[in-house]
Amino acid sequence: MDHETRIKRLRFRSWHRGTKEADLMIGGFFDAHHAGWTADELDWFETLLEEQDVDIMAWAIGSLPCPPQWDGPMMHAMRQLGYVPIAK
């Protein structure tokens, strides 16, 4: 698939997680950072989206230890959000 189609699919998957909190955290992270990602970073994120939302959010906010395969620069950038936005 071409790059533009891949980005559109990742954006959709990022913003349609199942809960508003996960949509905001994961979709917001994608929107804020994807433009500068390499192909490897896009691969990482695409694979991360296969994980459960509760796990991704727990790793990102630090309430659960992050497995080694996910703990790296991309997860550290996600942690920089520092909070889980609450839908109003």
PDB file of N, CA and C in Angstrom:
ATOM      1  N   MET A   1       0.845  -1.167   0.000  1.00  0.00           N
ATOM      2  CA  MET A   1       0.000   0.000   0.000  1.00  0.00           C
ATOM      3  C   MET A   1       0.890   1.230   0.000  1.00  0.00           C
ATOM      4  N   ASP A   2       0.416   2.296  -0.612  1.00  0.00           N
ATOM      5  CA  ASP A   2       1.233   3.501  -0.682  1.00  0.00           C
ATOM      6  C   ASP A   2       1.236   4.218   0.671  1.00  0.00           C
ATOM      7  N   HIS A   3       2.175   5.136   0.839  1.00  0.00           N
ATOM      8  CA  HIS A   3       2.382   5.832   2.113  1.00  0.00           C
ATOM      9  C   HIS A   3       1.133   6.601   2.555  1.00  0.00           C
ATOM     10  N   GLU A   4       0.516   7.313   1.654  1.00  0.00           N
ATOM     11  CA  GLU A   4      -0.668   8.123   1.999  1.00  0.00           C
ATOM     12  C   GLU A   4      -1.813   7.251   2.505  1.00  0.00           C
ATOM     13  N   THR A   5      -2.044   6.139   1.855  1.00  0.00           N
ATOM     14  CA  THR A   5      -3.096   5.211   2.288  1.00  0.00           C
ATOM     15  C   THR A   5      -2.765   4.639   3.651  1.00  0.00           C
ATOM     16  N   ARG A   6      -1.523   4.296   3.852  1.00  0.00           N
ATOM     17  CA  ARG A   6      -1.095   3.752   5.154  1.00  0.00           C
ATOM     18  C   ARG A   6      -1.335   4.766   6.269  1.00  0.00           C
ATOM     19  N   ILE A   7      -0.974   6.019   6.030  1.00  0.00           N
ATOM     20  CA  ILE A   7      -1.172   7.070   7.034  1.00  0.00           C
ATOM     21  C   ILE A   7      -2.662   7.233   7.340  1.00  0.00           C
ATOM     22  N   LYS A   8      -3.497   7.232   6.318  1.00  0.00           N
ATOM     23  CA  LYS A   8      -4.941   7.364   6.532  1.00  0.00           C
ATOM     24  C   LYS A   8      -5.475   6.215   7.375  1.00  0.00           C
ATOM     25  N   ARG A   9      -5.024   5.012   7.094  1.00  0.00           N
ATOM     26  CA  ARG A   9      -5.478   3.848   7.871  1.00  0.00           C
ATOM     27  C   ARG A   9      -5.002   3.928   9.314  1.00  0.00           C
ATOM     28  N   LEU A  10      -3.737   4.314   9.500  1.00  0.00           N
ATOM     29  CA  LEU A  10      -3.217   4.443  10.859  1.00  0.00           C
ATOM     30  C   LEU A  10      -3.950   5.534  11.631  1.00  0.00           C
ATOM     31  N   ARG A  11      -4.243   6.644  10.975  1.00  0.00           N
ATOM     32  CA  ARG A  11      -4.997   7.723  11.638  1.00  0.00           C
ATOM     33  C   ARG A  11      -6.369   7.207  12.067  1.00  0.00           C
ATOM     34  N   PHE A  12      -7.052   6.513  11.178  1.00  0.00           N
ATOM     35  CA  PHE A  12      -8.373   5.977  11.513  1.00  0.00           C
ATOM     36  C   PHE A  12      -8.266   5.014  12.691  1.00  0.00           C
ATOM     37  N   ARG A  13      -7.339   4.090  12.625  1.00  0.00           N
ATOM     38  CA  ARG A  13      -7.179   3.104  13.702  1.00  0.00           C
ATOM     39  C   ARG A  13      -6.778   3.762  15.015  1.00  0.00           C
ATOM     40  N   SER A  14      -6.030   4.852  14.941  1.00  0.00           N
ATOM     41  CA  SER A  14      -5.604   5.564  16.138  1.00  0.00           C
ATOM     42  C   SER A  14      -6.757   6.272  16.829  1.00  0.00           C
ATOM     43  N   TRP A  15      -7.686   6.767  16.042  1.00  0.00           N
ATOM     44  CA  TRP A  15      -8.791   7.558  16.573  1.00  0.00           C
ATOM     45  C   TRP A  15     -10.070   6.753  16.795  1.00  0.00           C
ATOM     46  N   HIS A  16     -10.055   5.465  16.495  1.00  0.00           N
ATOM     47  CA  HIS A  16     -11.239   4.616  16.672  1.00  0.00           C
ATOM     48  C   HIS A  16     -10.857   3.382  17.478  1.00  0.00           C
ATOM     49  N   ARG A  17     -10.482   3.627  18.734  1.00  0.00           N
ATOM     50  CA  ARG A  17      -9.980   2.565  19.593  1.00  0.00           C
ATOM     51  C   ARG A  17     -11.078   1.879  20.395  1.00  0.00           C
ATOM     52  N   GLY A  18     -12.145   2.571  20.686  1.00  0.00           N
ATOM     53  CA  GLY A  18     -13.207   1.942  21.465  1.00  0.00           C
ATOM     54  C   GLY A  18     -13.597   2.734  22.694  1.00  0.00           C
ATOM     55  N   THR A  19     -12.679   3.530  23.226  1.00  0.00           N
ATOM     56  CA  THR A  19     -13.017   4.442  24.318  1.00  0.00           C
ATOM     57  C   THR A  19     -12.507   5.822  23.954  1.00  0.00           C
ATOM     58  N   LYS A  20     -13.192   6.822  24.437  1.00  0.00           N
ATOM     59  CA  LYS A  20     -12.794   8.195  24.131  1.00  0.00           C
ATOM     60  C   LYS A  20     -11.393   8.500  24.677  1.00  0.00           C
ATOM     61  N   GLU A  21     -11.082   7.984  25.856  1.00  0.00           N
ATOM     62  CA  GLU A  21      -9.773   8.221  26.457  1.00  0.00           C
ATOM     63  C   GLU A  21      -8.650   7.637  25.597  1.00  0.00           C
ATOM     64  N   ALA A  22      -8.868   6.402  25.108  1.00  0.00           N
ATOM     65  CA  ALA A  22      -7.858   5.775  24.249  1.00  0.00           C
ATOM     66  C   ALA A  22      -7.768   6.507  22.914  1.00  0.00           C
ATOM     67  N   ASP A  23      -8.914   6.918  22.377  1.00  0.00           N
ATOM     68  CA  ASP A  23      -8.899   7.688  21.132  1.00  0.00           C
ATOM     69  C   ASP A  23      -8.056   8.947  21.294  1.00  0.00           C
ATOM     70  N   LEU A  24      -8.286   9.660  22.382  1.00  0.00           N
ATOM     71  CA  LEU A  24      -7.566  10.913  22.606  1.00  0.00           C
ATOM     72  C   LEU A  24      -6.072  10.692  22.810  1.00  0.00           C
ATOM     73  N   MET A  25      -5.725   9.679  23.591  1.00  0.00           N
ATOM     74  CA  MET A  25      -4.310   9.450  23.866  1.00  0.00           C
ATOM     75  C   MET A  25      -3.583   8.921  22.641  1.00  0.00           C
ATOM     76  N   ILE A  26      -4.084   7.870  22.047  1.00  0.00           N
ATOM     77  CA  ILE A  26      -3.392   7.218  20.931  1.00  0.00           C
ATOM     78  C   ILE A  26      -3.535   8.032  19.655  1.00  0.00           C
ATOM     79  N   GLY A  27      -4.737   8.507  19.385  1.00  0.00           N
ATOM     80  CA  GLY A  27      -4.945   9.355  18.212  1.00  0.00           C
ATOM     81  C   GLY A  27      -4.208  10.678  18.325  1.00  0.00           C
ATOM     82  N   GLY A  28      -4.238  11.257  19.507  1.00  0.00           N
ATOM     83  CA  GLY A  28      -3.513  12.510  19.724  1.00  0.00           C
ATOM     84  C   GLY A  28      -2.018  12.346  19.550  1.00  0.00           C
ATOM     85  N   PHE A  29      -1.492  11.241  20.045  1.00  0.00           N
ATOM     86  CA  PHE A  29      -0.066  10.948  19.871  1.00  0.00           C
ATOM     87  C   PHE A  29       0.259  10.799  18.389  1.00  0.00           C
ATOM     88  N   PHE A  30      -0.561  10.058  17.677  1.00  0.00           N
ATOM     89  CA  PHE A  30      -0.340   9.878  16.247  1.00  0.00           C
ATOM     90  C   PHE A  30      -0.335  11.223  15.520  1.00  0.00           C
ATOM     91  N   ASP A  31      -1.365  12.028  15.760  1.00  0.00           N
ATOM     92  CA  ASP A  31      -1.466  13.310  15.074  1.00  0.00           C
ATOM     93  C   ASP A  31      -0.282  14.224  15.377  1.00  0.00           C
ATOM     94  N   ALA A  32       0.170  14.194  16.612  1.00  0.00           N
ATOM     95  CA  ALA A  32       1.261  15.085  17.021  1.00  0.00           C
ATOM     96  C   ALA A  32       2.618  14.670  16.468  1.00  0.00           C
ATOM     97  N   HIS A  33       2.813  13.372  16.185  1.00  0.00           N
ATOM     98  CA  HIS A  33       4.157  12.884  15.892  1.00  0.00           C
ATOM     99  C   HIS A  33       4.367  12.180  14.564  1.00  0.00           C
ATOM    100  N   HIS A  34       3.319  11.683  13.920  1.00  0.00           N
ATOM    101  CA  HIS A  34       3.526  10.785  12.775  1.00  0.00           C
ATOM    102  C   HIS A  34       4.273  11.424  11.602  1.00  0.00           C
ATOM    103  N   ALA A  35       4.157  12.714  11.423  1.00  0.00           N
ATOM    104  CA  ALA A  35       4.769  13.357  10.249  1.00  0.00           C
ATOM    105  C   ALA A  35       6.286  13.177  10.220  1.00  0.00           C
ATOM    106  N   GLY A  36       6.894  13.041  11.370  1.00  0.00           N
ATOM    107  CA  GLY A  36       8.347  12.889  11.418  1.00  0.00           C
ATOM    108  C   GLY A  36       8.838  11.461  11.560  1.00  0.00           C
ATOM    109  N   TRP A  37       7.932  10.492  11.527  1.00  0.00           N
ATOM    110  CA  TRP A  37       8.319   9.106  11.736  1.00  0.00           C
ATOM    111  C   TRP A  37       8.957   8.485  10.498  1.00  0.00           C
ATOM    112  N   THR A  38       9.914   7.624  10.769  1.00  0.00           N
ATOM    113  CA  THR A  38      10.540   6.825   9.723  1.00  0.00           C
ATOM    114  C   THR A  38       9.630   5.628   9.406  1.00  0.00           C
ATOM    115  N   ALA A  39       9.983   4.879   8.388  1.00  0.00           N
ATOM    116  CA  ALA A  39       9.223   3.666   8.048  1.00  0.00           C
ATOM    117  C   ALA A  39       9.246   2.678   9.212  1.00  0.00           C
ATOM    118  N   ASP A  40      10.387   2.552   9.887  1.00  0.00           N
ATOM    119  CA  ASP A  40      10.486   1.646  11.036  1.00  0.00           C
ATOM    120  C   ASP A  40       9.584   2.105  12.181  1.00  0.00           C
ATOM    121  N   GLU A  41       9.505   3.410  12.396  1.00  0.00           N
ATOM    122  CA  GLU A  41       8.639   3.928  13.455  1.00  0.00           C
ATOM    123  C   GLU A  41       7.161   3.731  13.104  1.00  0.00           C
ATOM    124  N   LEU A  42       6.819   3.894  11.841  1.00  0.00           N
ATOM    125  CA  LEU A  42       5.452   3.589  11.416  1.00  0.00           C
ATOM    126  C   LEU A  42       5.135   2.112  11.630  1.00  0.00           C
ATOM    127  N   ASP A  43       6.105   1.245  11.329  1.00  0.00           N
ATOM    128  CA  ASP A  43       5.918  -0.191  11.562  1.00  0.00           C
ATOM    129  C   ASP A  43       5.674  -0.469  13.045  1.00  0.00           C
ATOM    130  N   TRP A  44       6.486   0.170  13.902  1.00  0.00           N
ATOM    131  CA  TRP A  44       6.351  -0.002  15.358  1.00  0.00           C
ATOM    132  C   TRP A  44       4.952   0.394  15.802  1.00  0.00           C
ATOM    133  N   PHE A  45       4.515   1.566  15.371  1.00  0.00           N
ATOM    134  CA  PHE A  45       3.211   2.064  15.784  1.00  0.00           C
ATOM    135  C   PHE A  45       2.089   1.170  15.263  1.00  0.00           C
ATOM    136  N   GLU A  46       2.187   0.754  14.019  1.00  0.00           N
ATOM    137  CA  GLU A  46       1.172  -0.116  13.434  1.00  0.00           C
ATOM    138  C   GLU A  46       1.061  -1.421  14.220  1.00  0.00           C
ATOM    139  N   THR A  47       2.182  -1.970  14.630  1.00  0.00           N
ATOM    140  CA  THR A  47       2.178  -3.198  15.425  1.00  0.00           C
ATOM    141  C   THR A  47       1.647  -2.937  16.827  1.00  0.00           C
ATOM    142  N   LEU A  48       2.000  -1.794  17.412  1.00  0.00           N
ATOM    143  CA  LEU A  48       1.493  -1.432  18.738  1.00  0.00           C
ATOM    144  C   LEU A  48      -0.031  -1.391  18.744  1.00  0.00           C
ATOM    145  N   LEU A  49      -0.628  -0.942  17.660  1.00  0.00           N
ATOM    146  CA  LEU A  49      -2.084  -0.837  17.592  1.00  0.00           C
ATOM    147  C   LEU A  49      -2.776  -2.193  17.695  1.00  0.00           C
ATOM    148  N   GLU A  50      -2.042  -3.275  17.550  1.00  0.00           N
ATOM    149  CA  GLU A  50      -2.605  -4.615  17.730  1.00  0.00           C
ATOM    150  C   GLU A  50      -2.774  -4.961  19.203  1.00  0.00           C
ATOM    151  N   GLU A  51      -2.118  -4.221  20.085  1.00  0.00           N
ATOM    152  CA  GLU A  51      -2.211  -4.467  21.523  1.00  0.00           C
ATOM    153  C   GLU A  51      -3.520  -3.905  22.064  1.00  0.00           C
ATOM    154  N   GLN A  52      -3.883  -4.338  23.248  1.00  0.00           N
ATOM    155  CA  GLN A  52      -5.090  -3.864  23.903  1.00  0.00           C
ATOM    156  C   GLN A  52      -4.915  -2.409  24.349  1.00  0.00           C
ATOM    157  N   ASP A  53      -5.964  -1.617  24.206  1.00  0.00           N
ATOM    158  CA  ASP A  53      -5.905  -0.214  24.595  1.00  0.00           C
ATOM    159  C   ASP A  53      -5.513  -0.032  26.057  1.00  0.00           C
ATOM    160  N   VAL A  54      -6.095  -0.846  26.924  1.00  0.00           N
ATOM    161  CA  VAL A  54      -5.792  -0.693  28.356  1.00  0.00           C
ATOM    162  C   VAL A  54      -4.313  -0.922  28.626  1.00  0.00           C
ATOM    163  N   ASP A  55      -3.695  -1.834  27.883  1.00  0.00           N
ATOM    164  CA  ASP A  55      -2.267  -2.082  28.054  1.00  0.00           C
ATOM    165  C   ASP A  55      -1.442  -0.910  27.528  1.00  0.00           C
ATOM    166  N   ILE A  56      -1.763  -0.446  26.327  1.00  0.00           N
ATOM    167  CA  ILE A  56      -1.025   0.688  25.746  1.00  0.00           C
ATOM    168  C   ILE A  56      -1.097   1.884  26.684  1.00  0.00           C
ATOM    169  N   MET A  57      -2.287   2.184  27.165  1.00  0.00           N
ATOM    170  CA  MET A  57      -2.449   3.336  28.042  1.00  0.00           C
ATOM    171  C   MET A  57      -1.712   3.138  29.356  1.00  0.00           C
ATOM    172  N   ALA A  58      -1.766   1.946  29.924  1.00  0.00           N
ATOM    173  CA  ALA A  58      -1.068   1.672  31.184  1.00  0.00           C
ATOM    174  C   ALA A  58       0.443   1.793  31.009  1.00  0.00           C
ATOM    175  N   TRP A  59       0.977   1.310  29.900  1.00  0.00           N
ATOM    176  CA  TRP A  59       2.412   1.446  29.645  1.00  0.00           C
ATOM    177  C   TRP A  59       2.785   2.907  29.482  1.00  0.00           C
ATOM    178  N   ALA A  60       1.926   3.657  28.789  1.00  0.00           N
ATOM    179  CA  ALA A  60       2.226   5.061  28.499  1.00  0.00           C
ATOM    180  C   ALA A  60       2.157   5.930  29.756  1.00  0.00           C
ATOM    181  N   ILE A  61       1.227   5.632  30.659  1.00  0.00           N
ATOM    182  CA  ILE A  61       1.130   6.458  31.864  1.00  0.00           C
ATOM    183  C   ILE A  61       1.932   5.883  33.023  1.00  0.00           C
ATOM    184  N   GLY A  62       2.483   4.683  32.826  1.00  0.00           N
ATOM    185  CA  GLY A  62       3.369   4.101  33.828  1.00  0.00           C
ATOM    186  C   GLY A  62       2.687   3.324  34.929  1.00  0.00           C
ATOM    187  N   SER A  63       1.414   2.983  34.765  1.00  0.00           N
ATOM    188  CA  SER A  63       0.748   2.205  35.804  1.00  0.00           C
ATOM    189  C   SER A  63       1.050   0.713  35.695  1.00  0.00           C
ATOM    190  N   LEU A  64       1.587   0.289  34.565  1.00  0.00           N
ATOM    191  CA  LEU A  64       2.086  -1.079  34.373  1.00  0.00           C
ATOM    192  C   LEU A  64       3.473  -0.992  33.745  1.00  0.00           C
ATOM    193  N   PRO A  65       4.359  -1.923  34.099  1.00  0.00           N
ATOM    194  CA  PRO A  65       5.667  -1.936  33.439  1.00  0.00           C
ATOM    195  C   PRO A  65       5.500  -2.207  31.943  1.00  0.00           C
ATOM    196  N   CYS A  66       6.273  -1.513  31.164  1.00  0.00           N
ATOM    197  CA  CYS A  66       6.205  -1.661  29.716  1.00  0.00           C
ATOM    198  C   CYS A  66       7.082  -2.836  29.283  1.00  0.00           C
ATOM    199  N   PRO A  67       6.525  -3.766  28.493  1.00  0.00           N
ATOM    200  CA  PRO A  67       7.343  -4.875  27.990  1.00  0.00           C
ATOM    201  C   PRO A  67       8.514  -4.346  27.152  1.00  0.00           C
ATOM    202  N   PRO A  68       9.638  -5.041  27.189  1.00  0.00           N
ATOM    203  CA  PRO A  68      10.846  -4.569  26.487  1.00  0.00           C
ATOM    204  C   PRO A  68      10.634  -4.278  25.000  1.00  0.00           C
ATOM    205  N   GLN A  69       9.789  -5.057  24.319  1.00  0.00           N
ATOM    206  CA  GLN A  69       9.607  -4.828  22.880  1.00  0.00           C
ATOM    207  C   GLN A  69       8.923  -3.493  22.585  1.00  0.00           C
ATOM    208  N   TRP A  70       8.264  -2.907  23.572  1.00  0.00           N
ATOM    209  CA  TRP A  70       7.577  -1.623  23.370  1.00  0.00           C
ATOM    210  C   TRP A  70       8.300  -0.462  24.028  1.00  0.00           C
ATOM    211  N   ASP A  71       9.204  -0.768  24.939  1.00  0.00           N
ATOM    212  CA  ASP A  71       9.876   0.285  25.710  1.00  0.00           C
ATOM    213  C   ASP A  71      11.071   0.821  24.937  1.00  0.00           C
ATOM    214  N   GLY A  72      10.908   1.998  24.397  1.00  0.00           N
ATOM    215  CA  GLY A  72      11.960   2.633  23.613  1.00  0.00           C
ATOM    216  C   GLY A  72      11.577   4.070  23.325  1.00  0.00           C
ATOM    217  N   PRO A  73      12.226   4.686  22.359  1.00  0.00           N
ATOM    218  CA  PRO A  73      11.987   6.104  22.071  1.00  0.00           C
ATOM    219  C   PRO A  73      10.530   6.454  21.747  1.00  0.00           C
ATOM    220  N   MET A  74       9.837   5.578  21.061  1.00  0.00           N
ATOM    221  CA  MET A  74       8.445   5.884  20.703  1.00  0.00           C
ATOM    222  C   MET A  74       7.551   5.873  21.944  1.00  0.00           C
ATOM    223  N   MET A  75       7.711   4.881  22.812  1.00  0.00           N
ATOM    224  CA  MET A  75       6.916   4.843  24.045  1.00  0.00           C
ATOM    225  C   MET A  75       7.310   5.997  24.953  1.00  0.00           C
ATOM    226  N   HIS A  76       8.581   6.347  24.960  1.00  0.00           N
ATOM    227  CA  HIS A  76       9.020   7.487  25.774  1.00  0.00           C
ATOM    228  C   HIS A  76       8.345   8.762  25.283  1.00  0.00           C
ATOM    229  N   ALA A  77       8.210   8.911  23.974  1.00  0.00           N
ATOM    230  CA  ALA A  77       7.516  10.076  23.419  1.00  0.00           C
ATOM    231  C   ALA A  77       6.042  10.054  23.813  1.00  0.00           C
ATOM    232  N   MET A  78       5.432   8.866  23.815  1.00  0.00           N
ATOM    233  CA  MET A  78       4.041   8.767  24.225  1.00  0.00           C
ATOM    234  C   MET A  78       3.906   9.140  25.700  1.00  0.00           C
ATOM    235  N   ARG A  79       4.875   8.754  26.509  1.00  0.00           N
ATOM    236  CA  ARG A  79       4.850   9.093  27.932  1.00  0.00           C
ATOM    237  C   ARG A  79       4.957  10.592  28.162  1.00  0.00           C
ATOM    238  N   GLN A  80       5.529  11.308  27.220  1.00  0.00           N
ATOM    239  CA  GLN A  80       5.666  12.749  27.370  1.00  0.00           C
ATOM    240  C   GLN A  80       4.313  13.448  27.428  1.00  0.00           C
ATOM    241  N   LEU A  81       3.267  12.761  26.993  1.00  0.00           N
ATOM    242  CA  LEU A  81       1.929  13.339  27.139  1.00  0.00           C
ATOM    243  C   LEU A  81       1.651  13.623  28.606  1.00  0.00           C
ATOM    244  N   GLY A  82       2.145  12.717  29.476  1.00  0.00           N
ATOM    245  CA  GLY A  82       2.059  12.927  30.908  1.00  0.00           C
ATOM    246  C   GLY A  82       0.677  12.772  31.515  1.00  0.00           C
ATOM    247  N   TYR A  83      -0.317  12.500  30.719  1.00  0.00           N
ATOM    248  CA  TYR A  83      -1.679  12.367  31.235  1.00  0.00           C
ATOM    249  C   TYR A  83      -2.518  11.649  30.200  1.00  0.00           C
ATOM    250  N   VAL A  84      -3.656  11.164  30.658  1.00  0.00           N
ATOM    251  CA  VAL A  84      -4.654  10.624  29.749  1.00  0.00           C
ATOM    252  C   VAL A  84      -5.746  11.672  29.671  1.00  0.00           C
ATOM    253  N   PRO A  85      -5.942  12.303  28.522  1.00  0.00           N
ATOM    254  CA  PRO A  85      -6.991  13.324  28.423  1.00  0.00           C
ATOM    255  C   PRO A  85      -8.355  12.731  28.732  1.00  0.00           C
ATOM    256  N   ILE A  86      -9.161  13.461  29.452  1.00  0.00           N
ATOM    257  CA  ILE A  86     -10.494  13.020  29.805  1.00  0.00           C
ATOM    258  C   ILE A  86     -11.499  13.738  28.903  1.00  0.00           C
ATOM    259  N   ALA A  87     -12.358  12.970  28.282  1.00  0.00           N
ATOM    260  CA  ALA A  87     -13.385  13.556  27.409  1.00  0.00           C
ATOM    261  C   ALA A  87     -14.379  14.338  28.267  1.00  0.00           C
ATOM    262  N   LYS A  88     -14.806  15.457  27.756  1.00  0.00           N
ATOM    263  CA  LYS A  88     -15.769  16.286  28.500  1.00  0.00           C
ATOM    264  C   LYS A  88     -17.086  16.316  27.771  1.00  0.00           C
TER     265      LYS A  88
END
